[in-house]
Structures are given as structure tokens and as C-alpha cells.
C-alpha atoms as a PDB file:
ATOM      1  CA  MET A   1     100.522  -9.446 -28.029  1.00  0.00           C
ATOM      2  CA  ARG A   2      99.547  -8.642 -24.459  1.00  0.00           C
ATOM      3  CA  ARG A   3      96.126  -7.260 -23.762  1.00  0.00           C
ATOM      4  CA  ARG A   4      95.813  -4.287 -21.492  1.00  0.00           C
ATOM      5  CA  LYS A   5      93.212  -4.512 -18.811  1.00  0.00           C
ATOM      6  CA  LEU A   6      90.613  -1.828 -19.151  1.00  0.00           C
ATOM      7  CA  ARG A   7      90.143   0.213 -16.029  1.00  0.00           C
ATOM      8  CA  GLN A   8      86.714  -0.376 -14.543  1.00  0.00           C
ATOM      9  CA  VAL A   9      84.915   2.941 -14.120  1.00  0.00           C
ATOM     10  CA  PRO A  10      82.683   3.003 -11.034  1.00  0.00           C
ATOM     11  CA  LYS A  11      79.155   3.521 -12.225  1.00  0.00           C
ATOM     12  CA  VAL A  12      76.957   6.344 -11.043  1.00  0.00           C
ATOM     13  CA  VAL A  13      73.509   6.850 -12.501  1.00  0.00           C
ATOM     14  CA  ILE A  14      71.668  10.046 -11.582  1.00  0.00           C
ATOM     15  CA  VAL A  15      67.909   9.862 -11.922  1.00  0.00           C
ATOM     16  CA  GLY A  16      65.293  12.536 -11.448  1.00  0.00           C
ATOM     17  CA  PHE A  17      61.712  11.498 -10.960  1.00  0.00           C
ATOM     18  CA  VAL A  18      58.310  12.961 -10.197  1.00  0.00           C
ATOM     19  CA  ILE A  19      55.417  10.860  -8.924  1.00  0.00           C
ATOM     20  CA  VAL A  20      52.050  12.597  -8.849  1.00  0.00           C
ATOM     21  CA  PRO A  21      48.921  11.042  -7.375  1.00  0.00           C
ATOM     22  CA  LEU A  22      46.367  12.691  -9.677  1.00  0.00           C
ATOM     23  CA  GLY A  23      43.445  14.489  -8.098  1.00  0.00           C
ATOM     24  CA  GLU A  24      45.389  15.569  -5.012  1.00  0.00           C
ATOM     25  CA  THR A  25      46.050  19.200  -4.104  1.00  0.00           C
ATOM     26  CA  SER A  26      48.829  18.641  -1.569  1.00  0.00           C
ATOM     27  CA  LEU A  27      51.585  16.142  -2.238  1.00  0.00           C
ATOM     28  CA  SER A  28      53.811  16.589   0.817  1.00  0.00           C
ATOM     29  CA  LYS A  29      52.458  13.525   2.658  1.00  0.00           C
ATOM     30  CA  TYR A  30      53.179  11.386  -0.419  1.00  0.00           C
ATOM     31  CA  VAL A  31      56.639  12.874  -0.914  1.00  0.00           C
ATOM     32  CA  ALA A  32      57.441  12.258   2.760  1.00  0.00           C
ATOM     33  CA  GLU A  33      56.638   8.563   2.333  1.00  0.00           C
ATOM     34  CA  VAL A  34      58.885   8.336  -0.735  1.00  0.00           C
ATOM     35  CA  VAL A  35      61.719  10.007   1.189  1.00  0.00           C
ATOM     36  CA  LYS A  36      61.259   7.458   4.000  1.00  0.00           C
ATOM     37  CA  LEU A  37      61.460   4.668   1.412  1.00  0.00           C
ATOM     38  CA  LEU A  38      64.697   6.067  -0.054  1.00  0.00           C
ATOM     39  CA  GLU A  39      66.212   6.398   3.415  1.00  0.00           C
ATOM     40  CA  GLU A  40      65.199   2.837   4.314  1.00  0.00           C
ATOM     41  CA  ARG A  41      66.915   1.603   1.133  1.00  0.00           C
ATOM     42  CA  GLY A  42      70.042   3.662   1.822  1.00  0.00           C
ATOM     43  CA  ILE A  43      69.701   5.523  -1.471  1.00  0.00           C
ATOM     44  CA  LYS A  44      71.413   8.882  -1.782  1.00  0.00           C
ATOM     45  CA  TYR A  45      68.819  11.488  -2.743  1.00  0.00           C
ATOM     46  CA  GLN A  46      68.247  15.192  -3.140  1.00  0.00           C
ATOM     47  CA  LEU A  47      64.773  16.595  -2.638  1.00  0.00           C
ATOM     48  CA  THR A  48      63.911  19.653  -4.743  1.00  0.00           C
ATOM     49  CA  PRO A  49      60.685  21.672  -4.917  1.00  0.00           C
ATOM     50  CA  MET A  50      59.717  19.993  -8.208  1.00  0.00           C
ATOM     51  CA  SER A  51      61.299  16.520  -8.165  1.00  0.00           C
ATOM     52  CA  THR A  52      63.447  14.020  -6.330  1.00  0.00           C
ATOM     53  CA  ILE A  53      66.939  13.159  -7.596  1.00  0.00           C
ATOM     54  CA  ILE A  54      68.584   9.852  -6.696  1.00  0.00           C
ATOM     55  CA  GLU A  55      72.055   8.443  -7.230  1.00  0.00           C
ATOM     56  CA  VAL A  56      72.317   4.698  -7.816  1.00  0.00           C
ATOM     57  CA  GLU A  57      74.694   2.218  -9.462  1.00  0.00           C
ATOM     58  CA  THR A  58      72.456   0.995 -12.272  1.00  0.00           C
ATOM     59  CA  VAL A  59      69.395   2.035 -14.219  1.00  0.00           C
ATOM     60  CA  ARG A  60      67.747  -1.172 -12.957  1.00  0.00           C
ATOM     61  CA  ASP A  61      68.326  -0.004  -9.358  1.00  0.00           C
ATOM     62  CA  ALA A  62      66.548   3.249 -10.208  1.00  0.00           C
ATOM     63  CA  PHE A  63      63.641   1.516 -11.914  1.00  0.00           C
ATOM     64  CA  ASP A  64      63.209  -0.847  -8.975  1.00  0.00           C
ATOM     65  CA  VAL A  65      62.983   1.853  -6.316  1.00  0.00           C
ATOM     66  CA  ILE A  66      60.858   4.158  -8.485  1.00  0.00           C
ATOM     67  CA  GLU A  67      58.453   1.304  -9.195  1.00  0.00           C
ATOM     68  CA  GLU A  68      58.251   0.677  -5.459  1.00  0.00           C
ATOM     69  CA  ALA A  69      57.542   4.380  -4.835  1.00  0.00           C
ATOM     70  CA  HIS A  70      54.942   4.413  -7.633  1.00  0.00           C
ATOM     71  CA  GLU A  71      53.122   1.439  -6.098  1.00  0.00           C
ATOM     72  CA  LEU A  72      53.362   3.064  -2.669  1.00  0.00           C
ATOM     73  CA  MET A  73      51.103   5.871  -3.925  1.00  0.00           C
ATOM     74  CA  PHE A  74      48.309   3.350  -4.527  1.00  0.00           C
ATOM     75  CA  ARG A  75      48.807   1.803  -1.091  1.00  0.00           C
ATOM     76  CA  LEU A  76      48.416   5.321   0.324  1.00  0.00           C
ATOM     77  CA  GLY A  77      45.035   5.667  -1.367  1.00  0.00           C
ATOM     78  CA  ALA A  78      45.729   7.188  -4.787  1.00  0.00           C
ATOM     79  CA  LYS A  79      43.436   5.997  -7.575  1.00  0.00           C
ATOM     80  CA  ARG A  80      45.593   7.262 -10.458  1.00  0.00           C
ATOM     81  CA  VAL A  81      49.338   8.026 -10.530  1.00  0.00           C
ATOM     82  CA  SER A  82      51.555   9.730 -13.114  1.00  0.00           C
ATOM     83  CA  THR A  83      55.321   9.121 -12.953  1.00  0.00           C
ATOM     84  CA  THR A  84      58.008  10.903 -14.975  1.00  0.00           C
ATOM     85  CA  ILE A  85      61.639   9.726 -15.013  1.00  0.00           C
ATOM     86  CA  ARG A  86      64.840  11.394 -16.334  1.00  0.00           C
ATOM     87  CA  ILE A  87      68.089   9.397 -16.442  1.00  0.00           C
ATOM     88  CA  ASP A  88      71.685  10.646 -16.667  1.00  0.00           C
ATOM     89  CA  ASP A  89      73.805   7.544 -17.312  1.00  0.00           C
ATOM     90  CA  ARG A  90      77.381   8.652 -18.008  1.00  0.00           C
ATOM     91  CA  ARG A  91      79.867   5.837 -18.542  1.00  0.00           C
ATOM     92  CA  ASP A  92      83.188   7.523 -19.278  1.00  0.00           C
ATOM     93  CA  LYS A  93      83.703   8.758 -15.724  1.00  0.00           C
ATOM     94  CA  PRO A  94      81.737   8.760 -12.497  1.00  0.00           C
ATOM     95  CA  VAL A  95      79.937  12.058 -11.947  1.00  0.00           C
ATOM     96  CA  ARG A  96      77.940  12.522  -8.777  1.00  0.00           C
ATOM     97  CA  MET A  97      75.081  14.939  -8.139  1.00  0.00           C
ATOM     98  CA  GLU A  98      77.275  17.400  -6.290  1.00  0.00           C
ATOM     99  CA  ASP A  99      79.920  17.271  -9.068  1.00  0.00           C
ATOM    100  CA  LYS A 100      77.366  18.484 -11.606  1.00  0.00           C
ATOM    101  CA  VAL A 101      76.282  21.369  -9.386  1.00  0.00           C
ATOM    102  CA  GLU A 102      79.868  22.337  -8.532  1.00  0.00           C
ATOM    103  CA  SER A 103      80.817  22.382 -12.229  1.00  0.00           C
ATOM    104  CA  VAL A 104      78.143  25.005 -12.908  1.00  0.00           C
ATOM    105  CA  LEU A 105      79.014  27.056  -9.816  1.00  0.00           C
ATOM    106  CA  GLU A 106      82.696  27.120 -10.847  1.00  0.00           C
ATOM    107  CA  LYS A 107      81.709  28.585 -14.192  1.00  0.00           C
ATOM    108  CA  VAL A 108      79.480  31.163 -12.483  1.00  0.00           C
ATOM    109  CA  ARG A 109      82.480  32.210 -10.365  1.00  0.00           C
ATOM    110  CA  GLY A 110      84.581  32.558 -13.517  1.00  0.00           C
ATOM    111  CA  GLY A 111      86.482  29.279 -13.215  1.00  0.00           C
END
């Protein structure tokens, strides 16, 4: 019996994260440094008023860059940092950030 090759699905992991240097009132200078880090690493991102969303190939890739951003807060002078991470790891088909948004907008338009 011949075995069929399984089609390899390109992996896309969408991760939302929030890094908060505790005790600070304005976070924009910290967020700007994280955005610079993401751009230096060539990571696709979307900045929102409440979090940063990234698109990477693996959960490990996300953890690595978020750990780097977390540590960056201490290098920038923070004494205490709180980090929250949300992961959307879909493996049946690749779904990008814009696909998720477009799916909702289609439904809003009656599609």
C-alpha cells in the first residue's frame, strides 16, 4: 500500500502581548523601543492601543522575542515588569492577522 504524502501547512502563530514596566505612568517610550526591536528582527507586527500583536512561525520564536523585549524593559531602567501573552496557534490552515480581521468585516458587511 502506498502512503500519501501529507501536505505541509505553512505555520503562522499570532501572538498578542503586553509588557508593562510597573510604576510608570507613560509607556510610549518603552513601547517605541519594543517596536524598534521587532523591526530590527523583521517580525511582522500590529501595534494597538492596548497591546502588540506579532506574527511568527513558531511559539518558540514568539517566546524568544518577547523575552528579549521583557529584558529590554530592565535595561531601560524598569525595576519591575509584568508581561502577559496570548497565543493563537492554528495548525489546520495558515491564518494571518489580516485574515482574521477580514473574516469579521465580511460578516459585518453581510457576507
